[in-house]
Amino acid sequence: MIASFVLAAAVTTAAPVLPAEPQARVVQVAQPREAVALLSCMVKNNGGLADCSVQAESPRDLGVGDAALQMASQIQVELLGPDGKSRAGSFIDVPIRIRIR
């Protein structure tokens, strides 16, 4: 019985082990970036675009120009320009902006 009191005393008198303080973590939230490509495209008779080529892209390492070329087939433009003349058969500059998250 004396041995059990000694063991109990050893357990109860030991300092409790506290969990470590949580470390504050700084999490950087990625801000959306914008990528831009400038295409030169011919306007078709139905307002669609054809024969597009990449004139500029920024940033250059993300393949924004290739992505813009793939989207060009889905773009429709007004056939009449600001001067009232038809744009069909003429080349226009088409800026494409892409948000990157």
Protein backbone atom coordinates (compact mmCIF):
# COMPACT_ATOMS: atom_id res chain seq x y z
CA MET A 1 0.00 0.00 0.00
CA ILE A 2 2.87 2.37 0.73
CA ALA A 3 4.22 1.74 -2.76
CA SER A 4 0.92 2.80 -4.32
CA PHE A 5 0.95 6.11 -2.38
CA VAL A 6 4.49 6.83 -3.53
CA LEU A 7 3.54 6.11 -7.12
CA ALA A 8 0.43 8.29 -6.86
CA ALA A 9 2.46 11.09 -5.31
CA ALA A 10 4.99 10.93 -8.13
CA VAL A 11 2.27 11.20 -10.74
CA THR A 12 0.38 14.05 -9.10
CA THR A 13 3.39 16.19 -8.23
CA ALA A 14 4.89 16.16 -11.72
CA ALA A 15 4.45 19.40 -13.64
CA PRO A 16 1.77 19.09 -16.33
CA VAL A 17 2.99 19.09 -19.89
CA LEU A 18 1.32 21.95 -21.70
CA PRO A 19 0.78 21.87 -25.44
CA ALA A 20 3.07 24.14 -27.41
CA GLU A 21 1.75 27.58 -28.25
CA PRO A 22 0.24 27.62 -31.72
CA GLN A 23 2.46 29.36 -34.22
CA ALA A 24 0.91 32.20 -36.15
CA ARG A 25 0.97 31.42 -39.85
CA VAL A 26 0.98 34.02 -42.53
CA VAL A 27 -0.91 32.79 -45.55
CA GLN A 28 -0.44 34.83 -48.65
CA VAL A 29 -3.59 35.17 -50.69
CA ALA A 30 -2.77 35.15 -54.36
CA GLN A 31 -4.09 38.24 -56.06
CA PRO A 32 -5.64 37.63 -59.44
CA ARG A 33 -3.25 38.54 -62.22
CA GLU A 34 -4.20 39.69 -65.64
CA ALA A 35 -2.68 38.35 -68.82
CA VAL A 36 -3.14 40.16 -72.11
CA ALA A 37 -2.81 39.10 -75.73
CA LEU A 38 -3.29 41.24 -78.83
CA LEU A 39 -4.54 39.40 -81.90
CA SER A 40 -4.79 40.61 -85.47
CA CYS A 41 -7.78 38.93 -87.15
CA MET A 42 -9.73 39.16 -90.37
CA VAL A 43 -13.46 39.81 -90.00
CA LYS A 44 -15.62 37.30 -91.87
CA ASN A 45 -18.94 38.17 -93.55
CA ASN A 46 -20.87 36.80 -90.56
CA GLY A 47 -18.90 38.84 -87.96
CA GLY A 48 -16.69 35.93 -86.93
CA LEU A 49 -12.90 36.09 -86.90
CA ALA A 50 -10.44 34.20 -89.12
CA ASP A 51 -6.72 34.13 -89.90
CA CYS A 52 -5.78 35.39 -86.44
CA SER A 53 -2.18 35.86 -85.38
CA VAL A 54 -0.66 36.91 -82.07
CA GLN A 55 0.84 40.41 -82.24
CA ALA A 56 1.79 40.68 -78.54
CA GLU A 57 1.29 38.87 -75.24
CA SER A 58 2.11 39.58 -71.62
CA PRO A 59 3.40 37.77 -69.64
CA ARG A 60 5.13 35.83 -72.36
CA ASP A 61 5.76 32.64 -70.35
CA LEU A 62 2.11 31.65 -69.75
CA GLY A 63 0.96 30.80 -73.28
CA VAL A 64 -1.65 33.54 -73.29
CA GLY A 65 -1.31 34.06 -77.04
CA ASP A 66 -2.13 30.40 -77.75
CA ALA A 67 -5.13 30.54 -75.40
CA ALA A 68 -6.38 33.71 -77.10
CA LEU A 69 -6.05 32.07 -80.53
CA GLN A 70 -8.20 29.18 -79.34
CA MET A 71 -10.88 31.60 -78.09
CA ALA A 72 -10.91 33.70 -81.27
CA SER A 73 -13.30 31.34 -83.07
CA GLN A 74 -15.96 32.14 -80.44
CA ILE A 75 -15.75 35.93 -80.84
CA GLN A 76 -18.27 37.89 -82.89
CA VAL A 77 -17.78 41.54 -83.82
CA GLU A 78 -20.07 44.18 -85.25
CA LEU A 79 -19.83 44.19 -89.02
CA LEU A 80 -20.21 47.96 -89.23
CA GLY A 81 -17.27 49.94 -87.93
CA PRO A 82 -17.51 53.34 -86.24
CA ASP A 83 -17.37 54.99 -89.67
CA GLY A 84 -20.45 53.02 -90.83
CA LYS A 85 -18.48 50.89 -93.30
CA SER A 86 -18.42 47.10 -93.30
CA ARG A 87 -15.44 45.50 -91.63
CA ALA A 88 -15.90 42.20 -93.53
CA GLY A 89 -12.62 41.22 -95.20
CA SER A 90 -10.54 43.69 -93.20
CA PHE A 91 -8.09 42.98 -90.37
CA ILE A 92 -8.74 44.35 -86.90
CA ASP A 93 -6.80 44.27 -83.62
CA VAL A 94 -8.52 42.23 -80.92
CA PRO A 95 -7.28 42.64 -77.33
CA ILE A 96 -7.91 39.61 -75.11
CA ARG A 97 -7.65 39.93 -71.31
CA ILE A 98 -7.53 36.80 -69.14
CA ARG A 99 -7.73 36.83 -65.34
CA ILE A 100 -5.41 34.32 -63.70
CA ARG A 101 -6.09 33.15 -60.15
